[in-house]
């Protein structure tokens, strides 16, 4: 198996890229043996707006290249598409519906939130 970082996927997914020809060749050579990590998905979603890419489309495409099925990545991409910050989106999908945070976005997303900014009585 060969690990691919963000540059590889950007070269494939951007309309034009100086590395596109090489990326396509490597994709063909390494067919079915490419994998990546959550770090790459996060970085791609951070770069999506800069390059005019749809975060959901790039997530689906990367998962297809890597033969991966991870509903969390697609759920995070859907939130990013709705203008939720990338890191907040990943925190939300990993929270299993309940999160400790002072960020107000999580209540808007329907998560049960223990608000870190609110004073709470001490448990004895």
PDB file of N, CA and C in Angstrom:
ATOM      1  N   UNK A   1       0.849  -1.188   0.000  1.00  0.00           N
ATOM      2  CA  UNK A   1       0.000   0.000   0.000  1.00  0.00           C
ATOM      3  C   UNK A   1       0.893   1.249   0.000  1.00  0.00           C
ATOM      4  N   UNK A   2       0.397   2.280  -0.661  1.00  0.00           N
ATOM      5  CA  UNK A   2       1.145   3.529  -0.768  1.00  0.00           C
ATOM      6  C   UNK A   2       0.306   4.673  -0.212  1.00  0.00           C
ATOM      7  N   UNK A   3       0.897   5.393   0.720  1.00  0.00           N
ATOM      8  CA  UNK A   3       0.224   6.548   1.322  1.00  0.00           C
ATOM      9  C   UNK A   3       0.339   7.739   0.385  1.00  0.00           C
ATOM     10  N   UNK A   4      -0.771   8.438   0.179  1.00  0.00           N
ATOM     11  CA  UNK A   4      -0.780   9.643  -0.652  1.00  0.00           C
ATOM     12  C   UNK A   4      -1.164  10.837   0.205  1.00  0.00           C
ATOM     13  N   UNK A   5      -0.429  11.935   0.032  1.00  0.00           N
ATOM     14  CA  UNK A   5      -0.776  13.141   0.777  1.00  0.00           C
ATOM     15  C   UNK A   5      -1.656  14.050  -0.064  1.00  0.00           C
ATOM     16  N   UNK A   6      -1.934  15.195   0.454  1.00  0.00           N
ATOM     17  CA  UNK A   6      -2.883  16.135  -0.141  1.00  0.00           C
ATOM     18  C   UNK A   6      -2.509  16.553  -1.560  1.00  0.00           C
ATOM     19  N   UNK A   7      -1.214  16.758  -1.821  1.00  0.00           N
ATOM     20  CA  UNK A   7      -0.789  17.205  -3.152  1.00  0.00           C
ATOM     21  C   UNK A   7      -1.265  16.259  -4.255  1.00  0.00           C
ATOM     22  N   UNK A   8      -1.192  14.975  -3.985  1.00  0.00           N
ATOM     23  CA  UNK A   8      -1.601  13.975  -4.972  1.00  0.00           C
ATOM     24  C   UNK A   8      -3.075  14.146  -5.324  1.00  0.00           C
ATOM     25  N   UNK A   9      -3.902  14.253  -4.302  1.00  0.00           N
ATOM     26  CA  UNK A   9      -5.346  14.364  -4.542  1.00  0.00           C
ATOM     27  C   UNK A   9      -5.709  15.708  -5.167  1.00  0.00           C
ATOM     28  N   UNK A  10      -5.056  16.786  -4.740  1.00  0.00           N
ATOM     29  CA  UNK A  10      -5.313  18.084  -5.373  1.00  0.00           C
ATOM     30  C   UNK A  10      -4.956  18.049  -6.850  1.00  0.00           C
ATOM     31  N   UNK A  11      -3.836  17.428  -7.172  1.00  0.00           N
ATOM     32  CA  UNK A  11      -3.436  17.339  -8.576  1.00  0.00           C
ATOM     33  C   UNK A  11      -4.495  16.621  -9.404  1.00  0.00           C
ATOM     34  N   UNK A  12      -5.088  15.592  -8.841  1.00  0.00           N
ATOM     35  CA  UNK A  12      -6.128  14.855  -9.551  1.00  0.00           C
ATOM     36  C   UNK A  12      -7.450  15.606  -9.619  1.00  0.00           C
ATOM     37  N   UNK A  13      -7.801  16.328  -8.551  1.00  0.00           N
ATOM     38  CA  UNK A  13      -9.153  16.875  -8.419  1.00  0.00           C
ATOM     39  C   UNK A  13      -9.312  18.319  -8.898  1.00  0.00           C
ATOM     40  N   UNK A  14      -8.229  19.089  -8.905  1.00  0.00           N
ATOM     41  CA  UNK A  14      -8.319  20.449  -9.435  1.00  0.00           C
ATOM     42  C   UNK A  14      -8.477  20.378 -10.957  1.00  0.00           C
ATOM     43  N   UNK A  15      -9.192  21.330 -11.537  1.00  0.00           N
ATOM     44  CA  UNK A  15      -9.354  21.319 -12.997  1.00  0.00           C
ATOM     45  C   UNK A  15      -8.015  21.324 -13.736  1.00  0.00           C
ATOM     46  N   UNK A  16      -7.077  22.121 -13.266  1.00  0.00           N
ATOM     47  CA  UNK A  16      -5.734  22.132 -13.847  1.00  0.00           C
ATOM     48  C   UNK A  16      -4.722  22.138 -12.713  1.00  0.00           C
ATOM     49  N   UNK A  17      -3.641  21.435 -12.926  1.00  0.00           N
ATOM     50  CA  UNK A  17      -2.576  21.388 -11.930  1.00  0.00           C
ATOM     51  C   UNK A  17      -1.315  20.902 -12.634  1.00  0.00           C
ATOM     52  N   UNK A  18      -0.184  21.510 -12.323  1.00  0.00           N
ATOM     53  CA  UNK A  18       1.063  21.152 -12.986  1.00  0.00           C
ATOM     54  C   UNK A  18       1.498  19.720 -12.677  1.00  0.00           C
ATOM     55  N   UNK A  19       0.913  19.110 -11.649  1.00  0.00           N
ATOM     56  CA  UNK A  19       1.244  17.739 -11.277  1.00  0.00           C
ATOM     57  C   UNK A  19       0.215  16.707 -11.770  1.00  0.00           C
ATOM     58  N   UNK A  20      -0.813  17.180 -12.464  1.00  0.00           N
ATOM     59  CA  UNK A  20      -1.921  16.299 -12.869  1.00  0.00           C
ATOM     60  C   UNK A  20      -1.454  15.099 -13.695  1.00  0.00           C
ATOM     61  N   UNK A  21      -0.593  15.311 -14.681  1.00  0.00           N
ATOM     62  CA  UNK A  21      -0.143  14.214 -15.545  1.00  0.00           C
ATOM     63  C   UNK A  21       0.555  13.135 -14.715  1.00  0.00           C
ATOM     64  N   UNK A  22       1.451  13.533 -13.851  1.00  0.00           N
ATOM     65  CA  UNK A  22       2.159  12.565 -13.006  1.00  0.00           C
ATOM     66  C   UNK A  22       1.208  11.881 -12.032  1.00  0.00           C
ATOM     67  N   UNK A  23       0.282  12.634 -11.469  1.00  0.00           N
ATOM     68  CA  UNK A  23      -0.680  12.059 -10.519  1.00  0.00           C
ATOM     69  C   UNK A  23      -1.537  10.994 -11.212  1.00  0.00           C
ATOM     70  N   UNK A  24      -1.973  11.262 -12.418  1.00  0.00           N
ATOM     71  CA  UNK A  24      -2.765  10.276 -13.165  1.00  0.00           C
ATOM     72  C   UNK A  24      -1.956   9.011 -13.448  1.00  0.00           C
ATOM     73  N   UNK A  25      -0.692   9.192 -13.826  1.00  0.00           N
ATOM     74  CA  UNK A  25       0.172   8.046 -14.097  1.00  0.00           C
ATOM     75  C   UNK A  25       0.356   7.202 -12.840  1.00  0.00           C
ATOM     76  N   UNK A  26       0.609   7.874 -11.718  1.00  0.00           N
ATOM     77  CA  UNK A  26       0.802   7.156 -10.458  1.00  0.00           C
ATOM     78  C   UNK A  26      -0.481   6.472 -10.021  1.00  0.00           C
ATOM     79  N   UNK A  27      -1.604   7.131 -10.208  1.00  0.00           N
ATOM     80  CA  UNK A  27      -2.893   6.520  -9.877  1.00  0.00           C
ATOM     81  C   UNK A  27      -3.072   5.210 -10.656  1.00  0.00           C
ATOM     82  N   UNK A  28      -2.717   5.245 -11.921  1.00  0.00           N
ATOM     83  CA  UNK A  28      -2.831   4.039 -12.745  1.00  0.00           C
ATOM     84  C   UNK A  28      -1.854   2.955 -12.270  1.00  0.00           C
ATOM     85  N   UNK A  29      -0.637   3.346 -11.962  1.00  0.00           N
ATOM     86  CA  UNK A  29       0.377   2.380 -11.518  1.00  0.00           C
ATOM     87  C   UNK A  29       0.041   1.766 -10.164  1.00  0.00           C
ATOM     88  N   UNK A  30      -0.502   2.573  -9.271  1.00  0.00           N
ATOM     89  CA  UNK A  30      -0.784   2.136  -7.901  1.00  0.00           C
ATOM     90  C   UNK A  30      -2.247   1.744  -7.705  1.00  0.00           C
ATOM     91  N   UNK A  31      -2.946   1.527  -8.792  1.00  0.00           N
ATOM     92  CA  UNK A  31      -4.375   1.233  -8.772  1.00  0.00           C
ATOM     93  C   UNK A  31      -4.763   0.260  -7.651  1.00  0.00           C
ATOM     94  N   UNK A  32      -5.635   0.738  -6.752  1.00  0.00           N
ATOM     95  CA  UNK A  32      -6.139  -0.097  -5.673  1.00  0.00           C
ATOM     96  C   UNK A  32      -5.209  -0.216  -4.478  1.00  0.00           C
ATOM     97  N   UNK A  33      -4.066   0.440  -4.532  1.00  0.00           N
ATOM     98  CA  UNK A  33      -3.098   0.326  -3.439  1.00  0.00           C
ATOM     99  C   UNK A  33      -2.788   1.673  -2.785  1.00  0.00           C
ATOM    100  N   UNK A  34      -3.682   2.635  -2.922  1.00  0.00           N
ATOM    101  CA  UNK A  34      -3.467   3.976  -2.367  1.00  0.00           C
ATOM    102  C   UNK A  34      -4.345   4.157  -1.137  1.00  0.00           C
ATOM    103  N   UNK A  35      -3.754   4.739  -0.103  1.00  0.00           N
ATOM    104  CA  UNK A  35      -4.531   5.085   1.083  1.00  0.00           C
ATOM    105  C   UNK A  35      -4.072   6.445   1.594  1.00  0.00           C
ATOM    106  N   UNK A  36      -4.842   7.012   2.501  1.00  0.00           N
ATOM    107  CA  UNK A  36      -4.509   8.303   3.094  1.00  0.00           C
ATOM    108  C   UNK A  36      -5.053   8.327   4.514  1.00  0.00           C
ATOM    109  N   UNK A  37      -5.098   9.508   5.111  1.00  0.00           N
ATOM    110  CA  UNK A  37      -5.532   9.614   6.501  1.00  0.00           C
ATOM    111  C   UNK A  37      -6.532  10.757   6.661  1.00  0.00           C
ATOM    112  N   UNK A  38      -7.070  10.842   7.854  1.00  0.00           N
ATOM    113  CA  UNK A  38      -8.004  11.926   8.167  1.00  0.00           C
ATOM    114  C   UNK A  38      -7.332  13.287   7.989  1.00  0.00           C
ATOM    115  N   UNK A  39      -6.036  13.347   8.215  1.00  0.00           N
ATOM    116  CA  UNK A  39      -5.307  14.608   8.042  1.00  0.00           C
ATOM    117  C   UNK A  39      -5.457  15.127   6.614  1.00  0.00           C
ATOM    118  N   UNK A  40      -5.392  14.240   5.643  1.00  0.00           N
ATOM    119  CA  UNK A  40      -5.548  14.642   4.243  1.00  0.00           C
ATOM    120  C   UNK A  40      -6.957  15.162   3.982  1.00  0.00           C
ATOM    121  N   UNK A  41      -7.959  14.486   4.516  1.00  0.00           N
ATOM    122  CA  UNK A  41      -9.343  14.956   4.339  1.00  0.00           C
ATOM    123  C   UNK A  41      -9.520  16.343   4.943  1.00  0.00           C
ATOM    124  N   UNK A  42      -8.962  16.560   6.121  1.00  0.00           N
ATOM    125  CA  UNK A  42      -9.063  17.871   6.766  1.00  0.00           C
ATOM    126  C   UNK A  42      -8.384  18.928   5.905  1.00  0.00           C
ATOM    127  N   UNK A  43      -7.178  18.639   5.459  1.00  0.00           N
ATOM    128  CA  UNK A  43      -6.453  19.607   4.646  1.00  0.00           C
ATOM    129  C   UNK A  43      -7.190  19.896   3.339  1.00  0.00           C
ATOM    130  N   UNK A  44      -7.730  18.868   2.699  1.00  0.00           N
ATOM    131  CA  UNK A  44      -8.484  19.078   1.467  1.00  0.00           C
ATOM    132  C   UNK A  44      -9.701  19.961   1.700  1.00  0.00           C
ATOM    133  N   UNK A  45     -10.385  19.748   2.804  1.00  0.00           N
ATOM    134  CA  UNK A  45     -11.558  20.582   3.086  1.00  0.00           C
ATOM    135  C   UNK A  45     -11.166  22.022   3.395  1.00  0.00           C
ATOM    136  N   UNK A  46     -10.015  22.206   4.035  1.00  0.00           N
ATOM    137  CA  UNK A  46      -9.524  23.564   4.276  1.00  0.00           C
ATOM    138  C   UNK A  46      -9.185  24.263   2.956  1.00  0.00           C
ATOM    139  N   UNK A  47      -8.689  23.513   1.988  1.00  0.00           N
ATOM    140  CA  UNK A  47      -8.284  24.079   0.696  1.00  0.00           C
ATOM    141  C   UNK A  47      -9.421  24.146  -0.326  1.00  0.00           C
ATOM    142  N   UNK A  48     -10.536  23.507  -0.039  1.00  0.00           N
ATOM    143  CA  UNK A  48     -11.635  23.428  -1.011  1.00  0.00           C
ATOM    144  C   UNK A  48     -12.084  24.800  -1.492  1.00  0.00           C
ATOM    145  N   UNK A  49     -12.286  25.731  -0.586  1.00  0.00           N
ATOM    146  CA  UNK A  49     -12.755  27.066  -1.004  1.00  0.00           C
ATOM    147  C   UNK A  49     -11.712  27.765  -1.864  1.00  0.00           C
ATOM    148  N   UNK A  50     -10.435  27.653  -1.473  1.00  0.00           N
ATOM    149  CA  UNK A  50      -9.372  28.326  -2.222  1.00  0.00           C
ATOM    150  C   UNK A  50      -9.369  27.891  -3.686  1.00  0.00           C
ATOM    151  N   UNK A  51      -9.614  26.611  -3.918  1.00  0.00           N
ATOM    152  CA  UNK A  51      -9.547  26.070  -5.278  1.00  0.00           C
ATOM    153  C   UNK A  51     -10.912  25.888  -5.924  1.00  0.00           C
ATOM    154  N   UNK A  52     -11.967  26.371  -5.262  1.00  0.00           N
ATOM    155  CA  UNK A  52     -13.303  26.276  -5.833  1.00  0.00           C
ATOM    156  C   UNK A  52     -13.804  24.850  -5.959  1.00  0.00           C
ATOM    157  N   UNK A  53     -13.438  24.002  -5.003  1.00  0.00           N
ATOM    158  CA  UNK A  53     -13.847  22.604  -5.024  1.00  0.00           C
ATOM    159  C   UNK A  53     -14.960  22.361  -4.019  1.00  0.00           C
ATOM    160  N   UNK A  54     -15.836  21.455  -4.337  1.00  0.00           N
ATOM    161  CA  UNK A  54     -16.931  21.070  -3.449  1.00  0.00           C
ATOM    162  C   UNK A  54     -16.380  20.067  -2.429  1.00  0.00           C
ATOM    163  N   UNK A  55     -16.462  20.366  -1.125  1.00  0.00           N
ATOM    164  CA  UNK A  55     -15.900  19.457  -0.124  1.00  0.00           C
ATOM    165  C   UNK A  55     -16.516  18.063  -0.141  1.00  0.00           C
ATOM    166  N   UNK A  56     -17.787  17.975  -0.466  1.00  0.00           N
ATOM    167  CA  UNK A  56     -18.431  16.656  -0.523  1.00  0.00           C
ATOM    168  C   UNK A  56     -17.913  15.870  -1.727  1.00  0.00           C
ATOM    169  N   UNK A  57     -17.838  16.524  -2.864  1.00  0.00           N
ATOM    170  CA  UNK A  57     -17.351  15.851  -4.081  1.00  0.00           C
ATOM    171  C   UNK A  57     -15.912  15.361  -3.896  1.00  0.00           C
ATOM    172  N   UNK A  58     -15.037  16.213  -3.347  1.00  0.00           N
ATOM    173  CA  UNK A  58     -13.651  15.779  -3.189  1.00  0.00           C
ATOM    174  C   UNK A  58     -13.546  14.637  -2.181  1.00  0.00           C
ATOM    175  N   UNK A  59     -14.367  14.673  -1.152  1.00  0.00           N
ATOM    176  CA  UNK A  59     -14.353  13.591  -0.161  1.00  0.00           C
ATOM    177  C   UNK A  59     -14.775  12.280  -0.797  1.00  0.00           C
ATOM    178  N   UNK A  60     -15.843  12.313  -1.567  1.00  0.00           N
ATOM    179  CA  UNK A  60     -16.324  11.110  -2.252  1.00  0.00           C
ATOM    180  C   UNK A  60     -15.262  10.590  -3.227  1.00  0.00           C
ATOM    181  N   UNK A  61     -14.626  11.507  -3.959  1.00  0.00           N
ATOM    182  CA  UNK A  61     -13.607  11.102  -4.922  1.00  0.00           C
ATOM    183  C   UNK A  61     -12.390  10.485  -4.236  1.00  0.00           C
ATOM    184  N   UNK A  62     -11.938  11.077  -3.158  1.00  0.00           N
ATOM    185  CA  UNK A  62     -10.778  10.539  -2.434  1.00  0.00           C
ATOM    186  C   UNK A  62     -11.117   9.178  -1.830  1.00  0.00           C
ATOM    187  N   UNK A  63     -12.310   9.058  -1.261  1.00  0.00           N
ATOM    188  CA  UNK A  63     -12.703   7.756  -0.713  1.00  0.00           C
ATOM    189  C   UNK A  63     -12.743   6.697  -1.815  1.00  0.00           C
ATOM    190  N   UNK A  64     -13.176   7.058  -3.003  1.00  0.00           N
ATOM    191  CA  UNK A  64     -13.208   6.108  -4.110  1.00  0.00           C
ATOM    192  C   UNK A  64     -11.796   5.691  -4.516  1.00  0.00           C
ATOM    193  N   UNK A  65     -10.894   6.644  -4.603  1.00  0.00           N
ATOM    194  CA  UNK A  65      -9.512   6.332  -4.962  1.00  0.00           C
ATOM    195  C   UNK A  65      -8.887   5.395  -3.927  1.00  0.00           C
ATOM    196  N   UNK A  66      -9.224   5.613  -2.665  1.00  0.00           N
ATOM    197  CA  UNK A  66      -8.644   4.830  -1.566  1.00  0.00           C
ATOM    198  C   UNK A  66      -9.474   3.597  -1.199  1.00  0.00           C
ATOM    199  N   UNK A  67     -10.519   3.339  -1.949  1.00  0.00           N
ATOM    200  CA  UNK A  67     -11.416   2.211  -1.630  1.00  0.00           C
ATOM    201  C   UNK A  67     -11.825   2.252  -0.167  1.00  0.00           C
ATOM    202  N   UNK A  68     -12.237   3.410   0.272  1.00  0.00           N
ATOM    203  CA  UNK A  68     -12.561   3.627   1.675  1.00  0.00           C
ATOM    204  C   UNK A  68     -14.023   4.026   1.817  1.00  0.00           C
ATOM    205  N   UNK A  69     -14.617   3.553   2.879  1.00  0.00           N
ATOM    206  CA  UNK A  69     -15.990   3.944   3.193  1.00  0.00           C
ATOM    207  C   UNK A  69     -15.987   4.444   4.630  1.00  0.00           C
ATOM    208  N   UNK A  70     -16.033   5.753   4.780  1.00  0.00           N
ATOM    209  CA  UNK A  70     -16.036   6.338   6.117  1.00  0.00           C
ATOM    210  C   UNK A  70     -17.123   7.409   6.148  1.00  0.00           C
ATOM    211  N   UNK A  71     -18.219   7.079   6.760  1.00  0.00           N
ATOM    212  CA  UNK A  71     -19.365   7.999   6.803  1.00  0.00           C
ATOM    213  C   UNK A  71     -19.018   9.289   7.529  1.00  0.00           C
ATOM    214  N   UNK A  72     -18.080   9.239   8.467  1.00  0.00           N
ATOM    215  CA  UNK A  72     -17.692  10.449   9.192  1.00  0.00           C
ATOM    216  C   UNK A  72     -17.093  11.495   8.258  1.00  0.00           C
ATOM    217  N   UNK A  73     -16.258  11.065   7.322  1.00  0.00           N
ATOM    218  CA  UNK A  73     -15.645  12.021   6.395  1.00  0.00           C
ATOM    219  C   UNK A  73     -16.702  12.705   5.544  1.00  0.00           C
ATOM    220  N   UNK A  74     -17.646  11.929   5.054  1.00  0.00           N
ATOM    221  CA  UNK A  74     -18.693  12.514   4.220  1.00  0.00           C
ATOM    222  C   UNK A  74     -19.599  13.418   5.057  1.00  0.00           C
ATOM    223  N   UNK A  75     -19.914  13.021   6.284  1.00  0.00           N
ATOM    224  CA  UNK A  75     -20.744  13.858   7.154  1.00  0.00           C
ATOM    225  C   UNK A  75     -20.034  15.174   7.460  1.00  0.00           C
ATOM    226  N   UNK A  76     -18.738  15.122   7.717  1.00  0.00           N
ATOM    227  CA  UNK A  76     -17.977  16.347   7.966  1.00  0.00           C
ATOM    228  C   UNK A  76     -17.979  17.236   6.724  1.00  0.00           C
ATOM    229  N   UNK A  77     -17.802  16.639   5.571  1.00  0.00           N
ATOM    230  CA  UNK A  77     -17.815  17.403   4.322  1.00  0.00           C
ATOM    231  C   UNK A  77     -19.160  18.087   4.093  1.00  0.00           C
ATOM    232  N   UNK A  78     -20.247  17.394   4.424  1.00  0.00           N
ATOM    233  CA  UNK A  78     -21.583  18.000   4.305  1.00  0.00           C
ATOM    234  C   UNK A  78     -21.696  19.230   5.204  1.00  0.00           C
ATOM    235  N   UNK A  79     -21.154  19.147   6.427  1.00  0.00           N
ATOM    236  CA  UNK A  79     -21.187  20.295   7.337  1.00  0.00           C
ATOM    237  C   UNK A  79     -20.328  21.438   6.802  1.00  0.00           C
ATOM    238  N   UNK A  80     -19.166  21.114   6.261  1.00  0.00           N
ATOM    239  CA  UNK A  80     -18.294  22.152   5.687  1.00  0.00           C
ATOM    240  C   UNK A  80     -19.004  22.828   4.522  1.00  0.00           C
ATOM    241  N   UNK A  81     -19.720  22.054   3.724  1.00  0.00           N
ATOM    242  CA  UNK A  81     -20.491  22.616   2.613  1.00  0.00           C
ATOM    243  C   UNK A  81     -21.516  23.622   3.127  1.00  0.00           C
ATOM    244  N   UNK A  82     -22.008  23.413   4.363  1.00  0.00           N
ATOM    245  CA  UNK A  82     -22.990  24.315   4.986  1.00  0.00           C
ATOM    246  C   UNK A  82     -22.306  25.436   5.771  1.00  0.00           C
ATOM    247  N   UNK A  83     -21.026  25.682   5.510  1.00  0.00           N
ATOM    248  CA  UNK A  83     -20.238  26.753   6.115  1.00  0.00           C
ATOM    249  C   UNK A  83     -19.906  26.542   7.584  1.00  0.00           C
ATOM    250  N   UNK A  84     -19.908  25.299   8.044  1.00  0.00           N
ATOM    251  CA  UNK A  84     -19.372  24.984   9.367  1.00  0.00           C
ATOM    252  C   UNK A  84     -17.867  24.891   9.179  1.00  0.00           C
ATOM    253  N   UNK A  85     -17.106  25.403  10.132  1.00  0.00           N
ATOM    254  CA  UNK A  85     -15.653  25.318  10.040  1.00  0.00           C
ATOM    255  C   UNK A  85     -15.202  23.864   9.958  1.00  0.00           C
ATOM    256  N   UNK A  86     -14.084  23.642   9.294  1.00  0.00           N
ATOM    257  CA  UNK A  86     -13.594  22.281   9.066  1.00  0.00           C
ATOM    258  C   UNK A  86     -13.357  21.547  10.383  1.00  0.00           C
ATOM    259  N   UNK A  87     -12.660  22.170  11.311  1.00  0.00           N
ATOM    260  CA  UNK A  87     -12.363  21.487  12.569  1.00  0.00           C
ATOM    261  C   UNK A  87     -13.637  21.262  13.376  1.00  0.00           C
ATOM    262  N   UNK A  88     -14.531  22.249  13.395  1.00  0.00           N
ATOM    263  CA  UNK A  88     -15.809  22.082  14.093  1.00  0.00           C
ATOM    264  C   UNK A  88     -16.613  20.938  13.478  1.00  0.00           C
ATOM    265  N   UNK A  89     -16.560  20.806  12.161  1.00  0.00           N
ATOM    266  CA  UNK A  89     -17.286  19.737  11.477  1.00  0.00           C
ATOM    267  C   UNK A  89     -16.754  18.364  11.910  1.00  0.00           C
ATOM    268  N   UNK A  90     -15.453  18.219  11.965  1.00  0.00           N
ATOM    269  CA  UNK A  90     -14.882  16.939  12.390  1.00  0.00           C
ATOM    270  C   UNK A  90     -15.166  16.661  13.860  1.00  0.00           C
ATOM    271  N   UNK A  91     -15.076  17.701  14.706  1.00  0.00           N
ATOM    272  CA  UNK A  91     -15.433  17.507  16.118  1.00  0.00           C
ATOM    273  C   UNK A  91     -16.885  17.050  16.236  1.00  0.00           C
ATOM    274  N   UNK A  92     -17.757  17.672  15.475  1.00  0.00           N
ATOM    275  CA  UNK A  92     -19.186  17.334  15.541  1.00  0.00           C
ATOM    276  C   UNK A  92     -19.438  15.880  15.155  1.00  0.00           C
ATOM    277  N   UNK A  93     -18.823  15.417  14.076  1.00  0.00           N
ATOM    278  CA  UNK A  93     -19.103  14.050  13.638  1.00  0.00           C
ATOM    279  C   UNK A  93     -18.461  13.007  14.555  1.00  0.00           C
ATOM    280  N   UNK A  94     -17.414  13.398  15.244  1.00  0.00           N
ATOM    281  CA  UNK A  94     -16.769  12.460  16.166  1.00  0.00           C
ATOM    282  C   UNK A  94     -17.396  12.476  17.558  1.00  0.00           C
ATOM    283  N   UNK A  95     -18.324  13.380  17.811  1.00  0.00           N
ATOM    284  CA  UNK A  95     -18.860  13.588  19.161  1.00  0.00           C
ATOM    285  C   UNK A  95     -19.932  12.579  19.575  1.00  0.00           C
ATOM    286  N   UNK A  96     -20.454  11.819  18.647  1.00  0.00           N
ATOM    287  CA  UNK A  96     -21.566  10.907  18.952  1.00  0.00           C
ATOM    288  C   UNK A  96     -22.764  11.635  19.545  1.00  0.00           C
ATOM    289  N   UNK A  97     -22.931  12.904  19.177  1.00  0.00           N
ATOM    290  CA  UNK A  97     -24.117  13.649  19.583  1.00  0.00           C
ATOM    291  C   UNK A  97     -24.003  14.435  20.869  1.00  0.00           C
ATOM    292  N   UNK A  98     -22.883  14.315  21.599  1.00  0.00           N
ATOM    293  CA  UNK A  98     -22.719  15.044  22.857  1.00  0.00           C
ATOM    294  C   UNK A  98     -21.291  15.578  22.922  1.00  0.00           C
ATOM    295  N   UNK A  99     -21.163  16.883  23.213  1.00  0.00           N
ATOM    296  CA  UNK A  99     -19.849  17.513  23.155  1.00  0.00           C
ATOM    297  C   UNK A  99     -19.675  18.524  24.281  1.00  0.00           C
ATOM    298  N   UNK A 100     -18.465  18.631  24.766  1.00  0.00           N
ATOM    299  CA  UNK A 100     -18.080  19.676  25.722  1.00  0.00           C
ATOM    300  C   UNK A 100     -17.347  20.741  24.920  1.00  0.00           C
ATOM    301  N   UNK A 101     -17.878  21.952  24.926  1.00  0.00           N
ATOM    302  CA  UNK A 101     -17.258  23.033  24.166  1.00  0.00           C
ATOM    303  C   UNK A 101     -17.898  24.361  24.531  1.00  0.00           C
ATOM    304  N   UNK A 102     -17.166  25.438  24.283  1.00  0.00           N
ATOM    305  CA  UNK A 102     -17.753  26.771  24.429  1.00  0.00           C
ATOM    306  C   UNK A 102     -18.260  27.296  23.084  1.00  0.00           C
ATOM    307  N   UNK A 103     -17.933  26.605  21.991  1.00  0.00           N
ATOM    308  CA  UNK A 103     -18.377  27.032  20.658  1.00  0.00           C
ATOM    309  C   UNK A 103     -19.887  26.876  20.529  1.00  0.00           C
ATOM    310  N   UNK A 104     -20.523  27.894  20.016  1.00  0.00           N
ATOM    311  CA  UNK A 104     -21.984  27.908  19.909  1.00  0.00           C
ATOM    312  C   UNK A 104     -22.518  27.111  18.724  1.00  0.00           C
ATOM    313  N   UNK A 105     -21.660  26.738  17.797  1.00  0.00           N
ATOM    314  CA  UNK A 105     -22.106  26.050  16.586  1.00  0.00           C
ATOM    315  C   UNK A 105     -22.749  24.703  16.892  1.00  0.00           C
ATOM    316  N   UNK A 106     -22.301  24.038  17.945  1.00  0.00           N
ATOM    317  CA  UNK A 106     -22.753  22.669  18.192  1.00  0.00           C
ATOM    318  C   UNK A 106     -24.233  22.597  18.571  1.00  0.00           C
ATOM    319  N   UNK A 107     -24.722  23.571  19.331  1.00  0.00           N
ATOM    320  CA  UNK A 107     -26.158  23.599  19.629  1.00  0.00           C
ATOM    321  C   UNK A 107     -26.956  23.839  18.349  1.00  0.00           C
ATOM    322  N   UNK A 108     -26.423  24.700  17.470  1.00  0.00           N
ATOM    323  CA  UNK A 108     -27.098  24.957  16.193  1.00  0.00           C
ATOM    324  C   UNK A 108     -27.162  23.696  15.337  1.00  0.00           C
ATOM    325  N   UNK A 109     -26.186  22.819  15.520  1.00  0.00           N
ATOM    326  CA  UNK A 109     -26.158  21.568  14.766  1.00  0.00           C
ATOM    327  C   UNK A 109     -27.003  20.483  15.414  1.00  0.00           C
ATOM    328  N   UNK A 110     -27.602  20.809  16.564  1.00  0.00           N
ATOM    329  CA  UNK A 110     -28.482  19.862  17.229  1.00  0.00           C
ATOM    330  C   UNK A 110     -27.776  18.893  18.167  1.00  0.00           C
ATOM    331  N   UNK A 111     -26.535  19.174  18.508  1.00  0.00           N
ATOM    332  CA  UNK A 111     -25.815  18.311  19.436  1.00  0.00           C
ATOM    333  C   UNK A 111     -26.167  18.672  20.872  1.00  0.00           C
ATOM    334  N   UNK A 112     -26.114  17.696  21.746  1.00  0.00           N
ATOM    335  CA  UNK A 112     -26.232  17.961  23.170  1.00  0.00           C
ATOM    336  C   UNK A 112     -24.887  18.536  23.608  1.00  0.00           C
ATOM    337  N   UNK A 113     -24.925  19.728  24.165  1.00  0.00           N
ATOM    338  CA  UNK A 113     -23.670  20.406  24.487  1.00  0.00           C
ATOM    339  C   UNK A 113     -23.567  20.709  25.965  1.00  0.00           C
ATOM    340  N   UNK A 114     -22.447  20.349  26.538  1.00  0.00           N
ATOM    341  CA  UNK A 114     -22.079  20.823  27.867  1.00  0.00           C
ATOM    342  C   UNK A 114     -21.256  22.065  27.600  1.00  0.00           C
ATOM    343  N   UNK A 115     -21.848  23.213  27.912  1.00  0.00           N
ATOM    344  CA  UNK A 115     -21.233  24.485  27.554  1.00  0.00           C
ATOM    345  C   UNK A 115     -20.113  24.811  28.528  1.00  0.00           C
ATOM    346  N   UNK A 116     -18.923  24.812  28.024  1.00  0.00           N
ATOM    347  CA  UNK A 116     -17.725  25.058  28.812  1.00  0.00           C
ATOM    348  C   UNK A 116     -17.697  26.477  29.362  1.00  0.00           C
ATOM    349  N   UNK A 117     -18.417  27.407  28.742  1.00  0.00           N
ATOM    350  CA  UNK A 117     -18.366  28.794  29.173  1.00  0.00           C
ATOM    351  C   UNK A 117     -19.386  29.117  30.255  1.00  0.00           C
ATOM    352  N   UNK A 118     -20.271  28.196  30.576  1.00  0.00           N
ATOM    353  CA  UNK A 118     -21.284  28.432  31.608  1.00  0.00           C
ATOM    354  C   UNK A 118     -20.768  27.943  32.961  1.00  0.00           C
ATOM    355  N   UNK A 119     -21.043  28.742  34.001  1.00  0.00           N
ATOM    356  CA  UNK A 119     -20.704  28.282  35.348  1.00  0.00           C
ATOM    357  C   UNK A 119     -21.668  27.175  35.719  1.00  0.00           C
ATOM    358  N   UNK A 120     -21.138  26.140  36.320  1.00  0.00           N
ATOM    359  CA  UNK A 120     -21.943  24.986  36.730  1.00  0.00           C
ATOM    360  C   UNK A 120     -21.673  24.723  38.199  1.00  0.00           C
ATOM    361  N   UNK A 121     -22.703  24.312  38.927  1.00  0.00           N
ATOM    362  CA  UNK A 121     -22.474  23.973  40.337  1.00  0.00           C
ATOM    363  C   UNK A 121     -21.566  22.754  40.450  1.00  0.00           C
ATOM    364  N   UNK A 122     -20.736  22.758  41.487  1.00  0.00           N
ATOM    365  CA  UNK A 122     -19.852  21.613  41.725  1.00  0.00           C
ATOM    366  C   UNK A 122     -20.656  20.416  42.178  1.00  0.00           C
ATOM    367  N   UNK A 123     -20.275  19.252  41.688  1.00  0.00           N
ATOM    368  CA  UNK A 123     -20.862  17.999  42.163  1.00  0.00           C
ATOM    369  C   UNK A 123     -20.124  17.619  43.447  1.00  0.00           C
ATOM    370  N   UNK A 124     -20.892  17.230  44.464  1.00  0.00           N
ATOM    371  CA  UNK A 124     -20.232  16.839  45.722  1.00  0.00           C
ATOM    372  C   UNK A 124     -20.238  15.385  45.892  1.00  0.00           C
TER     373      UNK A 124
END
